[in-house]
Amino acid sequence: MKKIFFGSASFCIATLLAACGGEGGGSYSSTSKEGEGVSGTLDFYTSQPDADAQGLVDAFKKQNPDVEISIFRSGTEEVVSKIQAENQGGNIQADVLLVADSVTFENFKAEELLLSYESPEAASIDDAFVDPDGTYAGTKIMATGIIVNTNEVTDLPDSWSSLTDGATKGQAVMPSPLYSGAAAYNLGVITRQDDFGWEFYEALNANDIMITQGNGAVLESVATGEKNYGMIVDFLAARAKNDGSPVELIYPKEGVPVITEPVGILANTENEEASKAFVDFILSEEGQKLASEQGYTPIREGVEAPKGLKTLDEMTILNAEAMELLETRNDDKAKFGKIFGE
């Protein structure tokens, strides 16, 4: 694998949105406790879709049936807010955290909220996606590209400029960086590219792009024909197409921002053994094959990407320094809100 250096409907929509969890308000679920193996309880906080998070937990429990795992899931920004509130109260409940991007983990690392753990499974992951201090590691490759409704669009675009073209005025939708961690990361990366900058987002606003809460809402809007174009994480678009929705996923020629949905252990975990076992499973070959089966590009070397998605080696990556993104994230979101009146 090549080295990538980051500074870190009426179709099948109801089914797809159930699978992607809708990115809506926070929700809890819990597995039952049974059997033998690593034992105890874990609180797992994640921005993964409900079905994917539950599938991951269920697969882990087949090997470790004595671990009871409670899941809290919501959009990355809400998960982060929950941990920050718990930290202020002196009682972080989460043991394991898996959310959109490395910038979030760099923030928690700076606050000394993460446990340093160098999983042996991380040896099969590109160093660019593993924190050198062992506080987090990427779990998958998720690029943001363009989704198009093929019932309405026959001349498929190949450039991000299609979203700012007057011919598509009022026809596009994007997730809000104020809610979606992936969108917040994309905002930071794209505005730091010489060929884009803040002018790109100003042009999106001038072209009347619709701002919606998360990527699931973008999928619903485009797949149902409410909008013809959208900015979306690649796995949702590919999954929808494979399930019969009239959509196409495009990786724009200028390149794509990529998040890796890192996983890490909270420093105050009360079940370090089970937390480490859970992280090991997520990064293992079996865990990465599960990620591929769920429709994601695996981050581990030697595990194939699912149908419809490009591998890391096939992508042109847009990147930026993670520490800069961390330091400017709040300002970036504030500027976005000012441009779009959010």
C-alpha atoms as a PDB file:
ATOM      1  CA  MET A   1       0.000   0.000   0.000  1.00  0.00           C
ATOM      2  CA  LYS A   2       1.367   3.444  -0.839  1.00  0.00           C
ATOM      3  CA  LYS A   3       2.091   5.827   2.012  1.00  0.00           C
ATOM      4  CA  ILE A   4      -0.399   8.645   2.408  1.00  0.00           C
ATOM      5  CA  PHE A   5       0.693  11.301   4.873  1.00  0.00           C
ATOM      6  CA  PHE A   6      -1.982  13.253   6.647  1.00  0.00           C
ATOM      7  CA  GLY A   7      -1.285  15.779   9.290  1.00  0.00           C
ATOM      8  CA  SER A   8      -3.483  12.652  10.394  1.00  0.00           C
ATOM      9  CA  ALA A   9     -37.527   6.344  -0.850  1.00  0.00           C
ATOM     10  CA  SER A  10     -39.536   4.375  -2.474  1.00  0.00           C
ATOM     11  CA  PHE A  11     -36.540   2.466  -3.659  1.00  0.00           C
ATOM     12  CA  CYS A  12     -34.502   0.889  -0.894  1.00  0.00           C
ATOM     13  CA  ILE A  13     -34.235   4.082   1.106  1.00  0.00           C
ATOM     14  CA  ALA A  14     -36.061   2.954   4.210  1.00  0.00           C
ATOM     15  CA  THR A  15     -33.773  -0.057   4.425  1.00  0.00           C
ATOM     16  CA  LEU A  16     -30.644   1.990   3.727  1.00  0.00           C
ATOM     17  CA  LEU A  17     -31.443   4.662   6.261  1.00  0.00           C
ATOM     18  CA  ALA A  18     -32.182   2.046   8.881  1.00  0.00           C
ATOM     19  CA  ALA A  19     -28.772   0.578   8.105  1.00  0.00           C
ATOM     20  CA  CYS A  20     -27.013   3.951   8.275  1.00  0.00           C
ATOM     21  CA  GLY A  21     -28.724   4.987  11.470  1.00  0.00           C
ATOM     22  CA  GLY A  22     -29.967   8.224   9.984  1.00  0.00           C
ATOM     23  CA  GLU A  23     -27.286  10.179  11.857  1.00  0.00           C
ATOM     24  CA  GLY A  24     -30.085  11.408  14.062  1.00  0.00           C
ATOM     25  CA  GLY A  25     -30.228  12.043  17.808  1.00  0.00           C
ATOM     26  CA  GLY A  26     -28.321   9.826  20.188  1.00  0.00           C
ATOM     27  CA  SER A  27     -29.541   6.336  20.890  1.00  0.00           C
ATOM     28  CA  TYR A  28     -28.597   3.521  23.248  1.00  0.00           C
ATOM     29  CA  SER A  29     -28.677  -0.235  22.815  1.00  0.00           C
ATOM     30  CA  SER A  30     -27.149  -3.078  24.786  1.00  0.00           C
ATOM     31  CA  THR A  31     -26.047  -6.643  24.207  1.00  0.00           C
ATOM     32  CA  SER A  32     -26.843  -9.422  26.635  1.00  0.00           C
ATOM     33  CA  LYS A  33     -24.213 -11.062  28.802  1.00  0.00           C
ATOM     34  CA  GLU A  34     -23.520 -14.738  28.321  1.00  0.00           C
ATOM     35  CA  GLY A  35     -20.826 -17.370  27.892  1.00  0.00           C
ATOM     36  CA  GLU A  36     -17.096 -17.234  28.524  1.00  0.00           C
ATOM     37  CA  GLY A  37     -14.033 -15.191  27.525  1.00  0.00           C
ATOM     38  CA  VAL A  38     -12.943 -11.643  28.316  1.00  0.00           C
ATOM     39  CA  SER A  39     -15.616 -10.402  30.668  1.00  0.00           C
ATOM     40  CA  GLY A  40     -17.209  -7.330  32.144  1.00  0.00           C
ATOM     41  CA  THR A  41     -19.028  -4.350  30.698  1.00  0.00           C
ATOM     42  CA  LEU A  42     -18.064  -1.800  28.048  1.00  0.00           C
ATOM     43  CA  ASP A  43     -19.628   1.482  26.986  1.00  0.00           C
ATOM     44  CA  PHE A  44     -19.033   2.002  23.270  1.00  0.00           C
ATOM     45  CA  TYR A  45     -19.569   5.530  21.911  1.00  0.00           C
ATOM     46  CA  THR A  46     -19.696   5.807  18.125  1.00  0.00           C
ATOM     47  CA  SER A  47     -20.956   7.764  15.144  1.00  0.00           C
ATOM     48  CA  GLN A  48     -21.269   4.594  13.070  1.00  0.00           C
ATOM     49  CA  PRO A  49     -24.695   3.741  11.668  1.00  0.00           C
ATOM     50  CA  ASP A  50     -26.766   1.789  14.191  1.00  0.00           C
ATOM     51  CA  ALA A  51     -26.808  -1.454  12.215  1.00  0.00           C
ATOM     52  CA  ASP A  52     -23.060  -1.372  11.567  1.00  0.00           C
ATOM     53  CA  ALA A  53     -22.203  -0.655  15.185  1.00  0.00           C
ATOM     54  CA  GLN A  54     -24.467  -3.472  16.335  1.00  0.00           C
ATOM     55  CA  GLY A  55     -23.000  -5.830  13.733  1.00  0.00           C
ATOM     56  CA  LEU A  56     -19.508  -5.046  14.982  1.00  0.00           C
ATOM     57  CA  VAL A  57     -20.483  -5.669  18.591  1.00  0.00           C
ATOM     58  CA  ASP A  58     -22.267  -8.910  17.714  1.00  0.00           C
ATOM     59  CA  ALA A  59     -19.219 -10.226  15.829  1.00  0.00           C
ATOM     60  CA  PHE A  60     -16.932  -9.369  18.748  1.00  0.00           C
ATOM     61  CA  LYS A  61     -19.257 -11.079  21.197  1.00  0.00           C
ATOM     62  CA  LYS A  62     -19.096 -14.323  19.249  1.00  0.00           C
ATOM     63  CA  GLN A  63     -15.490 -14.503  20.419  1.00  0.00           C
ATOM     64  CA  ASN A  64     -16.053 -12.793  23.772  1.00  0.00           C
ATOM     65  CA  PRO A  65     -19.591 -13.649  24.888  1.00  0.00           C
ATOM     66  CA  ASP A  66     -19.010 -12.598  28.495  1.00  0.00           C
ATOM     67  CA  VAL A  67     -18.596  -8.940  27.578  1.00  0.00           C
ATOM     68  CA  GLU A  68     -21.722  -6.821  27.858  1.00  0.00           C
ATOM     69  CA  ILE A  69     -21.521  -3.798  25.552  1.00  0.00           C
ATOM     70  CA  SER A  70     -23.791  -0.771  25.672  1.00  0.00           C
ATOM     71  CA  ILE A  71     -23.777   1.379  22.531  1.00  0.00           C
ATOM     72  CA  PHE A  72     -24.331   5.118  22.367  1.00  0.00           C
ATOM     73  CA  ARG A  73     -24.438   6.426  18.829  1.00  0.00           C
ATOM     74  CA  SER A  74     -25.091   9.792  17.270  1.00  0.00           C
ATOM     75  CA  GLY A  75     -23.363  12.204  14.904  1.00  0.00           C
ATOM     76  CA  THR A  76     -19.711  12.790  15.715  1.00  0.00           C
ATOM     77  CA  GLU A  77     -20.277  16.314  16.985  1.00  0.00           C
ATOM     78  CA  GLU A  78     -22.952  15.121  19.418  1.00  0.00           C
ATOM     79  CA  VAL A  79     -20.819  12.206  20.614  1.00  0.00           C
ATOM     80  CA  VAL A  80     -17.955  14.619  21.248  1.00  0.00           C
ATOM     81  CA  SER A  81     -20.248  16.997  23.126  1.00  0.00           C
ATOM     82  CA  LYS A  82     -21.454  14.128  25.307  1.00  0.00           C
ATOM     83  CA  ILE A  83     -17.922  13.099  26.257  1.00  0.00           C
ATOM     84  CA  GLN A  84     -16.952  16.699  26.959  1.00  0.00           C
ATOM     85  CA  ALA A  85     -19.986  17.140  29.202  1.00  0.00           C
ATOM     86  CA  GLU A  86     -19.190  13.906  31.036  1.00  0.00           C
ATOM     87  CA  ASN A  87     -15.587  15.007  31.443  1.00  0.00           C
ATOM     88  CA  GLN A  88     -16.659  18.309  32.944  1.00  0.00           C
ATOM     89  CA  GLY A  89     -18.792  16.333  35.360  1.00  0.00           C
ATOM     90  CA  GLY A  90     -15.795  14.191  36.250  1.00  0.00           C
ATOM     91  CA  ASN A  91     -17.304  10.922  35.055  1.00  0.00           C
ATOM     92  CA  ILE A  92     -16.702   9.879  31.442  1.00  0.00           C
ATOM     93  CA  GLN A  93     -18.852   6.818  30.792  1.00  0.00           C
ATOM     94  CA  ALA A  94     -17.275   5.727  27.498  1.00  0.00           C
ATOM     95  CA  ASP A  95     -14.660   2.973  27.409  1.00  0.00           C
ATOM     96  CA  VAL A  96     -14.122   2.790  23.647  1.00  0.00           C
ATOM     97  CA  LEU A  97     -14.675   5.591  21.133  1.00  0.00           C
ATOM     98  CA  LEU A  98     -15.056   5.233  17.353  1.00  0.00           C
ATOM     99  CA  VAL A  99     -15.979   8.401  15.458  1.00  0.00           C
ATOM    100  CA  ALA A 100     -15.323  10.053  12.140  1.00  0.00           C
ATOM    101  CA  ASP A 101     -11.889  11.598  12.013  1.00  0.00           C
ATOM    102  CA  SER A 102      -8.438  11.918  13.511  1.00  0.00           C
ATOM    103  CA  VAL A 103      -8.919  15.582  14.408  1.00  0.00           C
ATOM    104  CA  THR A 104     -11.436  14.593  17.077  1.00  0.00           C
ATOM    105  CA  PHE A 105      -8.944  12.141  18.549  1.00  0.00           C
ATOM    106  CA  GLU A 106      -6.124  14.677  18.457  1.00  0.00           C
ATOM    107  CA  ASN A 107      -8.325  16.953  20.546  1.00  0.00           C
ATOM    108  CA  PHE A 108      -9.009  14.265  23.138  1.00  0.00           C
ATOM    109  CA  LYS A 109      -5.346  13.258  23.074  1.00  0.00           C
ATOM    110  CA  ALA A 110      -4.323  16.843  23.864  1.00  0.00           C
ATOM    111  CA  GLU A 111      -6.726  16.769  26.807  1.00  0.00           C
ATOM    112  CA  GLU A 112      -5.110  13.500  27.980  1.00  0.00           C
ATOM    113  CA  LEU A 113      -8.420  11.652  27.770  1.00  0.00           C
ATOM    114  CA  LEU A 114      -7.097   8.703  25.730  1.00  0.00           C
ATOM    115  CA  LEU A 115      -5.205   5.587  26.781  1.00  0.00           C
ATOM    116  CA  SER A 116      -2.017   4.753  24.915  1.00  0.00           C
ATOM    117  CA  TYR A 117      -2.349   1.250  23.459  1.00  0.00           C
ATOM    118  CA  GLU A 118      -0.325  -0.079  20.551  1.00  0.00           C
ATOM    119  CA  SER A 119      -2.481  -2.892  19.249  1.00  0.00           C
ATOM    120  CA  PRO A 120      -0.483  -5.678  17.578  1.00  0.00           C
ATOM    121  CA  GLU A 121      -3.076  -5.604  14.795  1.00  0.00           C
ATOM    122  CA  ALA A 122      -2.039  -2.045  13.891  1.00  0.00           C
ATOM    123  CA  ALA A 123       1.162  -3.435  12.372  1.00  0.00           C
ATOM    124  CA  SER A 124      -0.875  -4.266   9.245  1.00  0.00           C
ATOM    125  CA  ILE A 125      -2.149  -0.690   8.871  1.00  0.00           C
ATOM    126  CA  ASP A 126      -0.283   2.109   7.093  1.00  0.00           C
ATOM    127  CA  ASP A 127       1.614   4.219   9.631  1.00  0.00           C
ATOM    128  CA  ALA A 128      -0.125   7.320   8.268  1.00  0.00           C
ATOM    129  CA  PHE A 129      -3.364   6.152   9.866  1.00  0.00           C
ATOM    130  CA  VAL A 130      -2.007   5.142  13.279  1.00  0.00           C
ATOM    131  CA  ASP A 131      -1.178   7.614  16.033  1.00  0.00           C
ATOM    132  CA  PRO A 132       2.542   7.186  16.826  1.00  0.00           C
ATOM    133  CA  ASP A 133       1.702   7.495  20.523  1.00  0.00           C
ATOM    134  CA  GLY A 134      -0.832   4.682  20.297  1.00  0.00           C
ATOM    135  CA  THR A 135      -3.905   6.646  21.356  1.00  0.00           C
ATOM    136  CA  TYR A 136      -5.921   5.851  18.217  1.00  0.00           C
ATOM    137  CA  ALA A 137      -5.837   3.982  14.907  1.00  0.00           C
ATOM    138  CA  GLY A 138      -7.940   4.266  11.764  1.00  0.00           C
ATOM    139  CA  THR A 139     -10.496   1.524  11.138  1.00  0.00           C
ATOM    140  CA  LYS A 140     -11.567   2.097   7.532  1.00  0.00           C
ATOM    141  CA  ILE A 141     -11.172   4.403   4.533  1.00  0.00           C
ATOM    142  CA  MET A 142     -14.136   6.682   3.843  1.00  0.00           C
ATOM    143  CA  ALA A 143     -13.837   9.197   1.022  1.00  0.00           C
ATOM    144  CA  THR A 144     -16.315  11.963   0.297  1.00  0.00           C
ATOM    145  CA  GLY A 145     -17.390  12.230  -3.314  1.00  0.00           C
ATOM    146  CA  ILE A 146     -20.401  13.223  -5.385  1.00  0.00           C
ATOM    147  CA  ILE A 147     -23.654  11.273  -5.548  1.00  0.00           C
ATOM    148  CA  VAL A 148     -25.887  11.769  -8.588  1.00  0.00           C
ATOM    149  CA  ASN A 149     -29.473  10.714  -9.315  1.00  0.00           C
ATOM    150  CA  THR A 150     -29.161   8.821 -12.606  1.00  0.00           C
ATOM    151  CA  ASN A 151     -32.860   9.174 -13.410  1.00  0.00           C
ATOM    152  CA  GLU A 152     -32.365  12.923 -13.638  1.00  0.00           C
ATOM    153  CA  VAL A 153     -28.719  13.292 -14.667  1.00  0.00           C
ATOM    154  CA  THR A 154     -27.406  11.544 -17.772  1.00  0.00           C
ATOM    155  CA  ASP A 155     -24.187  13.531 -18.271  1.00  0.00           C
ATOM    156  CA  LEU A 156     -22.268  12.451 -15.188  1.00  0.00           C
ATOM    157  CA  PRO A 157     -19.887  15.045 -13.714  1.00  0.00           C
ATOM    158  CA  ASP A 158     -16.231  14.396 -12.983  1.00  0.00           C
ATOM    159  CA  SER A 159     -15.394  17.528 -11.007  1.00  0.00           C
ATOM    160  CA  TRP A 160     -16.310  19.284  -7.766  1.00  0.00           C
ATOM    161  CA  SER A 161     -17.021  22.327  -9.922  1.00  0.00           C
ATOM    162  CA  SER A 162     -20.258  20.663 -11.030  1.00  0.00           C
ATOM    163  CA  LEU A 163     -21.732  21.636  -7.656  1.00  0.00           C
ATOM    164  CA  THR A 164     -21.001  25.325  -8.235  1.00  0.00           C
ATOM    165  CA  ASP A 165     -22.017  25.403 -11.901  1.00  0.00           C
ATOM    166  CA  GLY A 166     -25.034  27.585 -12.611  1.00  0.00           C
ATOM    167  CA  ALA A 167     -26.575  24.676 -14.515  1.00  0.00           C
ATOM    168  CA  THR A 168     -27.023  22.823 -11.208  1.00  0.00           C
ATOM    169  CA  LYS A 169     -28.278  25.815  -9.199  1.00  0.00           C
ATOM    170  CA  GLY A 170     -30.599  24.666  -6.428  1.00  0.00           C
ATOM    171  CA  GLN A 171     -30.111  20.993  -7.341  1.00  0.00           C
ATOM    172  CA  ALA A 172     -27.451  19.953  -4.815  1.00  0.00           C
ATOM    173  CA  VAL A 173     -27.329  19.014  -1.128  1.00  0.00           C
ATOM    174  CA  MET A 174     -24.553  18.577   1.437  1.00  0.00           C
ATOM    175  CA  PRO A 175     -24.253  17.541   5.106  1.00  0.00           C
ATOM    176  CA  SER A 176     -23.678  20.211   7.716  1.00  0.00           C
ATOM    177  CA  PRO A 177     -20.196  20.464   9.282  1.00  0.00           C
ATOM    178  CA  LEU A 178     -21.992  21.656  12.408  1.00  0.00           C
ATOM    179  CA  TYR A 179     -23.393  18.138  12.865  1.00  0.00           C
ATOM    180  CA  SER A 180     -21.404  15.675  10.760  1.00  0.00           C
ATOM    181  CA  GLY A 181     -17.821  14.969  11.805  1.00  0.00           C
ATOM    182  CA  ALA A 182     -16.963  13.904   8.258  1.00  0.00           C
ATOM    183  CA  ALA A 183     -18.348  17.152   6.871  1.00  0.00           C
ATOM    184  CA  ALA A 184     -16.420  19.158   9.479  1.00  0.00           C
ATOM    185  CA  TYR A 185     -13.217  17.383   8.469  1.00  0.00           C
ATOM    186  CA  ASN A 186     -13.978  17.937   4.774  1.00  0.00           C
ATOM    187  CA  LEU A 187     -14.555  21.631   5.417  1.00  0.00           C
ATOM    188  CA  GLY A 188     -11.123  21.981   6.988  1.00  0.00           C
ATOM    189  CA  VAL A 189      -9.367  20.025   4.253  1.00  0.00           C
ATOM    190  CA  ILE A 190     -11.101  21.546   1.232  1.00  0.00           C
ATOM    191  CA  THR A 191     -10.695  25.147   2.388  1.00  0.00           C
ATOM    192  CA  ARG A 192      -6.949  24.549   2.675  1.00  0.00           C
ATOM    193  CA  GLN A 193      -6.546  23.440  -0.931  1.00  0.00           C
ATOM    194  CA  ASP A 194      -5.151  26.073  -3.301  1.00  0.00           C
ATOM    195  CA  ASP A 195      -7.722  25.187  -5.957  1.00  0.00           C
ATOM    196  CA  PHE A 196     -10.690  25.462  -3.570  1.00  0.00           C
ATOM    197  CA  GLY A 197     -10.350  27.598  -0.447  1.00  0.00           C
ATOM    198  CA  TRP A 198     -13.320  29.326   1.147  1.00  0.00           C
ATOM    199  CA  GLU A 199     -14.293  30.502  -2.313  1.00  0.00           C
ATOM    200  CA  PHE A 200     -15.586  26.997  -3.014  1.00  0.00           C
ATOM    201  CA  TYR A 201     -18.034  27.113  -0.108  1.00  0.00           C
ATOM    202  CA  GLU A 202     -19.059  30.655  -0.977  1.00  0.00           C
ATOM    203  CA  ALA A 203     -19.775  29.430  -4.506  1.00  0.00           C
ATOM    204  CA  LEU A 204     -21.804  26.506  -3.131  1.00  0.00           C
ATOM    205  CA  ASN A 205     -23.892  28.963  -1.142  1.00  0.00           C
ATOM    206  CA  ALA A 206     -24.347  31.212  -4.167  1.00  0.00           C
ATOM    207  CA  ASN A 207     -25.504  28.159  -6.125  1.00  0.00           C
ATOM    208  CA  ASP A 208     -28.207  27.498  -3.514  1.00  0.00           C
ATOM    209  CA  ILE A 209     -26.910  24.176  -2.225  1.00  0.00           C
ATOM    210  CA  MET A 210     -29.175  22.766   0.481  1.00  0.00           C
ATOM    211  CA  ILE A 211     -27.627  22.077   3.892  1.00  0.00           C
ATOM    212  CA  THR A 212     -28.977  19.025   5.675  1.00  0.00           C
ATOM    213  CA  GLN A 213     -28.038  17.317   8.916  1.00  0.00           C
ATOM    214  CA  GLY A 214     -25.961  14.319   7.888  1.00  0.00           C
ATOM    215  CA  ASN A 215     -24.906  12.005   5.074  1.00  0.00           C
ATOM    216  CA  GLY A 216     -27.978   9.812   5.485  1.00  0.00           C
ATOM    217  CA  ALA A 217     -30.197  12.776   4.708  1.00  0.00           C
ATOM    218  CA  VAL A 218     -28.086  13.546   1.625  1.00  0.00           C
ATOM    219  CA  LEU A 219     -28.628   9.994   0.398  1.00  0.00           C
ATOM    220  CA  GLU A 220     -32.373  10.184   0.911  1.00  0.00           C
ATOM    221  CA  SER A 221     -32.611  13.538  -0.844  1.00  0.00           C
ATOM    222  CA  VAL A 222     -30.707  12.423  -3.957  1.00  0.00           C
ATOM    223  CA  ALA A 223     -32.034   8.871  -4.205  1.00  0.00           C
ATOM    224  CA  THR A 224     -35.645  10.058  -3.997  1.00  0.00           C
ATOM    225  CA  GLY A 225     -35.075  12.782  -6.583  1.00  0.00           C
ATOM    226  CA  GLU A 226     -35.579  15.729  -4.261  1.00  0.00           C
ATOM    227  CA  LYS A 227     -32.086  16.834  -5.317  1.00  0.00           C
ATOM    228  CA  ASN A 228     -29.968  15.629  -8.227  1.00  0.00           C
ATOM    229  CA  TYR A 229     -26.476  16.013  -6.748  1.00  0.00           C
ATOM    230  CA  GLY A 230     -24.906  15.698  -3.321  1.00  0.00           C
ATOM    231  CA  MET A 231     -21.675  15.575  -1.331  1.00  0.00           C
ATOM    232  CA  ILE A 232     -21.596  12.230   0.476  1.00  0.00           C
ATOM    233  CA  VAL A 233     -19.346   9.628   2.061  1.00  0.00           C
ATOM    234  CA  ASP A 234     -18.651   7.014  -0.580  1.00  0.00           C
ATOM    235  CA  PHE A 235     -19.921   3.900   1.199  1.00  0.00           C
ATOM    236  CA  LEU A 236     -23.490   5.190   1.471  1.00  0.00           C
ATOM    237  CA  ALA A 237     -23.709   5.956  -2.238  1.00  0.00           C
ATOM    238  CA  ALA A 238     -22.158   2.621  -3.252  1.00  0.00           C
ATOM    239  CA  ARG A 239     -24.411   0.726  -0.858  1.00  0.00           C
ATOM    240  CA  ALA A 240     -27.492   2.471  -2.236  1.00  0.00           C
ATOM    241  CA  LYS A 241     -26.533   1.720  -5.837  1.00  0.00           C
ATOM    242  CA  ASN A 242     -25.861  -1.934  -5.034  1.00  0.00           C
ATOM    243  CA  ASP A 243     -29.296  -2.129  -3.414  1.00  0.00           C
ATOM    244  CA  GLY A 244     -31.016  -0.777  -6.521  1.00  0.00           C
ATOM    245  CA  SER A 245     -31.298   2.968  -5.991  1.00  0.00           C
ATOM    246  CA  PRO A 246     -30.874   5.120  -9.129  1.00  0.00           C
ATOM    247  CA  VAL A 247     -27.637   6.738  -8.007  1.00  0.00           C
ATOM    248  CA  GLU A 248     -24.016   6.874  -9.093  1.00  0.00           C
ATOM    249  CA  LEU A 249     -20.923   7.624  -7.031  1.00  0.00           C
ATOM    250  CA  ILE A 250     -18.245   9.846  -8.525  1.00  0.00           C
ATOM    251  CA  TYR A 251     -14.738  10.388  -7.215  1.00  0.00           C
ATOM    252  CA  PRO A 252     -13.957  13.897  -8.557  1.00  0.00           C
ATOM    253  CA  LYS A 253     -10.788  14.243 -10.592  1.00  0.00           C
ATOM    254  CA  GLU A 254      -9.344  16.921  -8.297  1.00  0.00           C
ATOM    255  CA  GLY A 255      -9.231  14.428  -5.434  1.00  0.00           C
ATOM    256  CA  VAL A 256     -11.233  13.515  -2.342  1.00  0.00           C
ATOM    257  CA  PRO A 257     -10.926  14.119   1.400  1.00  0.00           C
ATOM    258  CA  VAL A 258     -10.683  10.893   3.388  1.00  0.00           C
ATOM    259  CA  ILE A 259     -11.609  10.074   6.970  1.00  0.00           C
ATOM    260  CA  THR A 260     -10.611   6.873   8.721  1.00  0.00           C
ATOM    261  CA  GLU A 261     -13.099   6.523  11.606  1.00  0.00           C
ATOM    262  CA  PRO A 262     -10.394   5.966  14.232  1.00  0.00           C
ATOM    263  CA  VAL A 263     -10.915   3.926  17.361  1.00  0.00           C
ATOM    264  CA  GLY A 264      -9.387   4.613  20.749  1.00  0.00           C
ATOM    265  CA  ILE A 265      -9.739   3.750  24.427  1.00  0.00           C
ATOM    266  CA  LEU A 266     -10.661   6.340  27.040  1.00  0.00           C
ATOM    267  CA  ALA A 267      -7.996   6.751  29.702  1.00  0.00           C
ATOM    268  CA  ASN A 268     -10.430   6.231  32.563  1.00  0.00           C
ATOM    269  CA  THR A 269     -11.818   2.933  31.270  1.00  0.00           C
ATOM    270  CA  GLU A 270     -12.751   0.534  34.039  1.00  0.00           C
ATOM    271  CA  ASN A 271     -12.278  -2.480  31.765  1.00  0.00           C
ATOM    272  CA  GLU A 272      -8.946  -2.042  30.030  1.00  0.00           C
ATOM    273  CA  GLU A 273      -8.610  -5.722  29.112  1.00  0.00           C
ATOM    274  CA  ALA A 274     -11.937  -5.903  27.286  1.00  0.00           C
ATOM    275  CA  SER A 275     -11.392  -2.488  25.697  1.00  0.00           C
ATOM    276  CA  LYS A 276      -8.067  -3.626  24.237  1.00  0.00           C
ATOM    277  CA  ALA A 277      -9.627  -6.875  23.024  1.00  0.00           C
ATOM    278  CA  PHE A 278     -12.377  -4.894  21.288  1.00  0.00           C
ATOM    279  CA  VAL A 279      -9.865  -2.609  19.560  1.00  0.00           C
ATOM    280  CA  ASP A 280      -7.781  -5.632  18.510  1.00  0.00           C
ATOM    281  CA  PHE A 281     -10.853  -7.232  16.961  1.00  0.00           C
ATOM    282  CA  ILE A 282     -11.808  -4.098  15.026  1.00  0.00           C
ATOM    283  CA  LEU A 283      -8.319  -3.871  13.506  1.00  0.00           C
ATOM    284  CA  SER A 284      -7.907  -7.619  12.933  1.00  0.00           C
ATOM    285  CA  GLU A 285      -8.317  -9.330   9.573  1.00  0.00           C
ATOM    286  CA  GLU A 286     -11.693 -10.664  10.706  1.00  0.00           C
ATOM    287  CA  GLY A 287     -12.819  -7.230  11.846  1.00  0.00           C
ATOM    288  CA  GLN A 288     -11.667  -5.659   8.594  1.00  0.00           C
ATOM    289  CA  LYS A 289     -13.441  -8.298   6.512  1.00  0.00           C
ATOM    290  CA  LEU A 290     -16.579  -7.412   8.457  1.00  0.00           C
ATOM    291  CA  ALA A 291     -16.028  -3.746   7.558  1.00  0.00           C
ATOM    292  CA  SER A 292     -15.796  -4.740   3.892  1.00  0.00           C
ATOM    293  CA  GLU A 293     -18.954  -6.843   4.168  1.00  0.00           C
ATOM    294  CA  GLN A 294     -20.700  -3.826   5.665  1.00  0.00           C
ATOM    295  CA  GLY A 295     -19.698  -1.819   2.604  1.00  0.00           C
ATOM    296  CA  TYR A 296     -16.565   0.067   3.693  1.00  0.00           C
ATOM    297  CA  THR A 297     -13.083   0.189   2.216  1.00  0.00           C
ATOM    298  CA  PRO A 298     -10.913  -1.638   4.789  1.00  0.00           C
ATOM    299  CA  ILE A 299      -7.875   0.156   6.152  1.00  0.00           C
ATOM    300  CA  ARG A 300      -5.899  -3.036   6.775  1.00  0.00           C
ATOM    301  CA  GLU A 301      -3.545  -4.206   4.053  1.00  0.00           C
ATOM    302  CA  GLY A 302      -4.627  -7.328   2.196  1.00  0.00           C
ATOM    303  CA  VAL A 303      -8.396  -7.005   2.703  1.00  0.00           C
ATOM    304  CA  GLU A 304     -10.359  -6.234  -0.465  1.00  0.00           C
ATOM    305  CA  ALA A 305     -12.687  -3.268  -0.874  1.00  0.00           C
ATOM    306  CA  PRO A 306     -16.366  -3.999  -1.555  1.00  0.00           C
ATOM    307  CA  LYS A 307     -18.042  -3.581  -4.936  1.00  0.00           C
ATOM    308  CA  GLY A 308     -18.404   0.011  -6.060  1.00  0.00           C
ATOM    309  CA  LEU A 309     -15.652   1.545  -3.911  1.00  0.00           C
ATOM    310  CA  LYS A 310     -12.131   2.516  -4.871  1.00  0.00           C
ATOM    311  CA  THR A 311      -9.173   1.252  -2.918  1.00  0.00           C
ATOM    312  CA  LEU A 312      -6.812   3.706  -1.267  1.00  0.00           C
ATOM    313  CA  ASP A 313      -4.259   3.220  -4.038  1.00  0.00           C
ATOM    314  CA  GLU A 314      -6.863   4.243  -6.627  1.00  0.00           C
ATOM    315  CA  MET A 315      -7.755   7.541  -4.937  1.00  0.00           C
ATOM    316  CA  THR A 316      -6.245  10.982  -5.243  1.00  0.00           C
ATOM    317  CA  ILE A 317      -6.255  12.227  -1.665  1.00  0.00           C
ATOM    318  CA  LEU A 318      -6.835  15.801  -0.529  1.00  0.00           C
ATOM    319  CA  ASN A 319      -5.201  16.303   2.855  1.00  0.00           C
ATOM    320  CA  ALA A 320      -4.219  18.858   5.459  1.00  0.00           C
ATOM    321  CA  GLU A 321      -2.283  18.914   8.720  1.00  0.00           C
ATOM    322  CA  ALA A 322      -4.348  17.370  11.515  1.00  0.00           C
ATOM    323  CA  MET A 323      -3.068  19.754  14.191  1.00  0.00           C
ATOM    324  CA  GLU A 324      -3.966  22.760  12.059  1.00  0.00           C
ATOM    325  CA  LEU A 325      -7.435  21.333  11.508  1.00  0.00           C
ATOM    326  CA  LEU A 326      -7.784  20.805  15.252  1.00  0.00           C
ATOM    327  CA  GLU A 327      -6.697  24.338  16.093  1.00  0.00           C
ATOM    328  CA  THR A 328      -9.006  25.927  13.525  1.00  0.00           C
ATOM    329  CA  ARG A 329     -12.049  23.625  13.639  1.00  0.00           C
ATOM    330  CA  ASN A 330     -14.243  25.901  15.750  1.00  0.00           C
ATOM    331  CA  ASP A 331     -13.303  28.939  13.678  1.00  0.00           C
ATOM    332  CA  ASP A 332     -13.932  26.977  10.479  1.00  0.00           C
ATOM    333  CA  LYS A 333     -17.390  25.940  11.632  1.00  0.00           C
ATOM    334  CA  ALA A 334     -18.182  29.483  12.719  1.00  0.00           C
ATOM    335  CA  LYS A 335     -17.162  30.829   9.310  1.00  0.00           C
ATOM    336  CA  PHE A 336     -19.238  28.147   7.592  1.00  0.00           C
ATOM    337  CA  GLY A 337     -22.221  29.127   9.726  1.00  0.00           C
ATOM    338  CA  LYS A 338     -21.764  32.762   8.789  1.00  0.00           C
ATOM    339  CA  ILE A 339     -21.603  31.980   5.066  1.00  0.00           C
ATOM    340  CA  PHE A 340     -24.676  29.760   5.104  1.00  0.00           C
ATOM    341  CA  GLY A 341     -26.612  31.510   7.851  1.00  0.00           C
ATOM    342  CA  GLU A 342     -26.585  28.389  10.015  1.00  0.00           C
END
